[in-house]
């Protein structure tokens, strides 16, 4: 059954999904790798579509896979599919270009975070709706972090109490994200980083352990285990 998005929603979600995912090992584009028999992108879009605030989903697919991705997602949710670029930032810009100006909140979400709960998506959107120009979901850093030299000599121990691990979706006022991309001089893998460079504040909200980024083969095993959890 195809999920129906909320026509009165005020959020567009952009999903850059054109990356190769080399760290996952040999295979097709990362977003199309299988997790429990379904592509990561299907898992991600299903959860995005379950978020009540979402009105529009735009996927930036590999240029050679646009029609295939459109067909793949048709049974999952109404989705607009565009050709992505060589870099993530270009894919986000291409997806952003098709978002109507009347949609005031734009989230950027990694297909690799395929198990992100809809509650996290809603929390990010709510914070933007309340007036924050940019919002990121985060988790506290639990490992000890060392600062080292290029030859791997330890310089010191970083205070992890002030560190956070950043997840997606990252949320923005539409105009803020558009202006940040228009002003970008160097490619970044983090959209909030573009907003930081523009001098605007970025607000944190709690993320989720379920929103792990599937990057390595081990992450696929962990994600499959998480899918077996009740609820």
Protein backbone atom coordinates (compact mmCIF):
# COMPACT_ATOMS: atom_id res chain seq x y z
CA UNK A 1 0.00 0.00 0.00
CA UNK A 2 1.27 3.48 -0.86
CA UNK A 3 1.53 5.86 2.09
CA UNK A 4 -0.40 9.07 1.57
CA UNK A 5 1.41 12.20 2.70
CA UNK A 6 -0.33 14.96 4.61
CA UNK A 7 -1.43 17.54 2.03
CA UNK A 8 -1.53 20.13 4.82
CA UNK A 9 1.95 19.31 6.04
CA UNK A 10 4.53 22.09 6.09
CA UNK A 11 7.70 20.02 5.64
CA UNK A 12 9.69 18.88 2.61
CA UNK A 13 12.26 16.13 3.14
CA UNK A 14 15.22 15.88 0.76
CA UNK A 15 16.97 12.51 0.53
CA UNK A 16 20.32 12.62 -1.29
CA UNK A 17 20.75 9.04 -2.46
CA UNK A 18 23.25 9.19 -5.32
CA UNK A 19 26.37 8.13 -3.41
CA UNK A 20 28.35 4.99 -4.26
CA UNK A 21 28.87 3.80 -0.68
CA UNK A 22 32.33 2.36 -1.27
CA UNK A 23 32.85 1.55 2.41
CA UNK A 24 29.97 -0.94 2.21
CA UNK A 25 32.04 -2.98 -0.22
CA UNK A 26 31.36 -3.94 -3.85
CA UNK A 27 27.83 -3.42 -5.12
CA UNK A 28 25.46 -0.83 -6.53
CA UNK A 29 24.67 2.64 -5.18
CA UNK A 30 24.63 2.73 -1.39
CA UNK A 31 20.97 3.70 -1.02
CA UNK A 32 19.95 0.68 -3.10
CA UNK A 33 21.87 -1.89 -1.04
CA UNK A 34 19.58 -4.38 0.65
CA UNK A 35 18.69 -4.44 4.33
CA UNK A 36 16.49 -7.38 5.30
CA UNK A 37 15.53 -7.82 1.66
CA UNK A 38 14.65 -4.21 0.91
CA UNK A 39 16.83 -1.30 -0.26
CA UNK A 40 17.99 1.14 2.42
CA UNK A 41 16.15 3.87 0.52
CA UNK A 42 12.83 2.06 0.87
CA UNK A 43 13.29 1.75 4.64
CA UNK A 44 14.21 5.43 4.92
CA UNK A 45 11.36 6.75 2.77
CA UNK A 46 8.82 4.57 4.56
CA UNK A 47 9.72 6.18 7.89
CA UNK A 48 9.78 9.68 6.43
CA UNK A 49 6.34 9.14 4.91
CA UNK A 50 5.03 8.05 8.32
CA UNK A 51 5.81 11.49 9.75
CA UNK A 52 2.60 13.55 9.96
CA UNK A 53 4.27 16.88 9.13
CA UNK A 54 5.74 15.74 5.82
CA UNK A 55 4.08 17.08 2.70
CA UNK A 56 6.76 16.42 0.08
CA UNK A 57 9.61 13.92 -0.30
CA UNK A 58 12.31 14.57 -2.90
CA UNK A 59 14.90 11.87 -3.62
CA UNK A 60 18.10 12.69 -5.51
CA UNK A 61 18.90 9.36 -7.18
CA UNK A 62 21.90 8.23 -9.20
CA UNK A 63 21.49 9.78 -12.66
CA UNK A 64 21.29 6.38 -14.35
CA UNK A 65 18.74 5.07 -11.84
CA UNK A 66 16.09 7.81 -11.78
CA UNK A 67 13.34 5.77 -13.44
CA UNK A 68 14.24 2.64 -11.49
CA UNK A 69 14.12 4.56 -8.19
CA UNK A 70 10.82 6.16 -9.15
CA UNK A 71 9.33 2.71 -9.78
CA UNK A 72 10.89 1.29 -6.63
CA UNK A 73 9.35 3.95 -4.41
CA UNK A 74 5.94 4.19 -6.09
CA UNK A 75 4.41 1.49 -3.82
CA UNK A 76 5.94 3.09 -0.72
CA UNK A 77 4.95 6.77 -0.88
CA UNK A 78 4.39 9.63 -3.32
CA UNK A 79 7.94 10.77 -4.06
CA UNK A 80 9.53 13.23 -6.48
CA UNK A 81 12.76 11.82 -7.92
CA UNK A 82 15.49 13.97 -9.48
CA UNK A 83 18.94 13.14 -10.80
CA UNK A 84 21.59 13.64 -8.13
CA UNK A 85 25.02 15.11 -8.63
CA UNK A 86 28.60 13.94 -8.26
CA UNK A 87 28.77 15.31 -4.71
CA UNK A 88 26.23 15.22 -1.90
CA UNK A 89 25.95 19.00 -1.79
CA UNK A 90 25.02 19.08 -5.49
CA UNK A 91 22.39 16.40 -4.92
CA UNK A 92 20.83 18.40 -2.10
CA UNK A 93 20.82 21.56 -4.23
CA UNK A 94 19.08 19.76 -7.08
CA UNK A 95 16.44 18.34 -4.75
CA UNK A 96 15.94 21.71 -3.06
CA UNK A 97 15.33 23.36 -6.45
CA UNK A 98 12.02 21.51 -6.88
CA UNK A 99 10.59 22.37 -3.45
CA UNK A 100 7.79 24.95 -3.78
CA UNK A 101 8.49 28.21 -1.91
CA UNK A 102 5.30 27.86 0.13
CA UNK A 103 6.81 24.90 2.00
CA UNK A 104 8.64 26.71 4.76
CA UNK A 105 10.54 23.85 6.44
CA UNK A 106 13.07 21.67 4.65
CA UNK A 107 14.77 18.62 6.15
CA UNK A 108 17.78 16.85 4.65
CA UNK A 109 17.97 13.16 5.48
CA UNK A 110 20.51 10.45 4.69
CA UNK A 111 19.11 7.28 3.14
CA UNK A 112 21.88 5.49 5.05
CA UNK A 113 20.06 6.35 8.29
CA UNK A 114 17.32 4.02 7.15
CA UNK A 115 15.83 3.26 10.58
CA UNK A 116 15.41 6.82 11.87
CA UNK A 117 12.12 6.90 13.82
CA UNK A 118 9.40 9.29 12.63
CA UNK A 119 9.49 10.84 16.12
CA UNK A 120 12.97 12.23 15.43
CA UNK A 121 11.80 13.68 12.12
CA UNK A 122 8.88 15.34 13.91
CA UNK A 123 11.11 16.71 16.67
CA UNK A 124 13.45 18.36 14.16
CA UNK A 125 10.54 19.86 12.22
CA UNK A 126 8.90 21.12 15.41
CA UNK A 127 12.06 22.96 16.48
CA UNK A 128 12.29 24.73 13.11
CA UNK A 129 8.59 25.54 13.31
CA UNK A 130 9.19 27.13 16.71
CA UNK A 131 11.70 29.56 15.19
CA UNK A 132 15.11 27.88 15.00
CA UNK A 133 16.81 28.58 11.65
CA UNK A 134 18.65 25.24 11.69
CA UNK A 135 18.23 22.09 13.80
CA UNK A 136 20.22 18.86 14.10
CA UNK A 137 19.46 15.64 16.03
CA UNK A 138 22.41 14.58 18.18
CA UNK A 139 23.61 11.96 20.63
CA UNK A 140 26.21 12.40 23.40
CA UNK A 141 29.67 11.06 22.55
CA UNK A 142 30.36 8.01 24.73
CA UNK A 143 33.89 7.08 23.63
CA UNK A 144 37.02 8.74 24.96
CA UNK A 145 38.31 11.12 22.27
CA UNK A 146 42.01 11.85 21.77
CA UNK A 147 43.53 14.69 19.77
CA UNK A 148 46.55 13.39 17.87
CA UNK A 149 49.31 14.61 15.58
CA UNK A 150 49.68 13.44 11.93
CA UNK A 151 52.08 10.72 13.15
CA UNK A 152 49.47 9.45 15.66
CA UNK A 153 51.08 10.89 18.79
CA UNK A 154 48.50 11.89 21.39
CA UNK A 155 48.30 15.60 22.12
CA UNK A 156 45.58 15.37 24.72
CA UNK A 157 42.13 14.13 25.71
CA UNK A 158 39.12 16.06 24.48
CA UNK A 159 36.32 16.86 26.94
CA UNK A 160 33.56 14.67 25.54
CA UNK A 161 30.88 16.39 27.65
CA UNK A 162 30.82 19.21 25.09
CA UNK A 163 30.83 16.90 22.06
CA UNK A 164 27.84 15.51 20.17
CA UNK A 165 27.47 12.96 17.40
CA UNK A 166 25.29 14.42 14.65
CA UNK A 167 22.54 12.50 12.86
CA UNK A 168 19.92 13.34 10.25
CA UNK A 169 17.45 14.65 9.31
CA UNK A 170 18.86 18.13 9.65
CA UNK A 171 16.13 20.77 9.49
CA UNK A 172 16.12 24.32 8.18
CA UNK A 173 13.90 27.20 7.30
CA UNK A 174 13.57 26.95 3.55
CA UNK A 175 15.21 30.32 2.90
CA UNK A 176 18.08 29.57 5.27
CA UNK A 177 19.04 26.35 3.47
CA UNK A 178 18.63 27.94 0.04
CA UNK A 179 20.84 30.90 0.97
CA UNK A 180 23.47 28.63 2.54
CA UNK A 181 23.74 26.50 -0.59
CA UNK A 182 23.83 29.56 -2.85
CA UNK A 183 26.73 30.98 -0.83
CA UNK A 184 28.69 27.73 -0.51
CA UNK A 185 32.22 28.02 -1.84
CA UNK A 186 33.55 24.60 -0.85
CA UNK A 187 31.64 21.30 -0.78
CA UNK A 188 30.66 20.03 2.66
CA UNK A 189 29.03 16.75 3.65
CA UNK A 190 27.03 18.46 6.40
CA UNK A 191 24.32 20.98 5.52
CA UNK A 192 24.31 22.44 9.01
CA UNK A 193 27.97 23.26 8.43
CA UNK A 194 26.95 25.54 5.57
CA UNK A 195 24.58 27.37 7.91
CA UNK A 196 27.30 27.65 10.56
CA UNK A 197 29.56 29.30 7.96
CA UNK A 198 26.78 31.81 7.32
CA UNK A 199 26.91 32.77 11.01
CA UNK A 200 23.48 31.45 11.98
CA UNK A 201 22.81 29.38 15.12
CA UNK A 202 22.25 25.63 14.88
CA UNK A 203 20.07 24.07 17.58
CA UNK A 204 20.36 20.49 18.85
CA UNK A 205 17.50 18.11 19.65
CA UNK A 206 17.81 14.52 20.93
CA UNK A 207 18.54 11.93 18.26
CA UNK A 208 18.01 8.17 18.43
CA UNK A 209 20.21 5.09 18.68
CA UNK A 210 18.07 3.63 15.91
CA UNK A 211 19.27 6.33 13.53
CA UNK A 212 22.71 4.80 13.08
CA UNK A 213 24.42 5.53 9.76
CA UNK A 214 24.80 2.36 7.71
CA UNK A 215 28.30 2.77 6.28
CA UNK A 216 30.15 -0.52 6.76
CA UNK A 217 29.10 -4.18 6.39
CA UNK A 218 28.93 -4.48 10.18
CA UNK A 219 26.35 -1.67 10.26
CA UNK A 220 24.04 -3.75 8.06
CA UNK A 221 24.23 -6.59 10.58
CA UNK A 222 23.43 -4.19 13.45
CA UNK A 223 20.54 -2.67 11.49
CA UNK A 224 19.06 -6.09 10.77
CA UNK A 225 19.20 -6.85 14.49
CA UNK A 226 17.47 -3.56 15.30
CA UNK A 227 14.70 -4.40 12.85
CA UNK A 228 13.90 -7.43 14.99
CA UNK A 229 13.23 -5.33 18.09
CA UNK A 230 9.56 -5.29 19.17
CA UNK A 231 7.58 -2.15 18.33
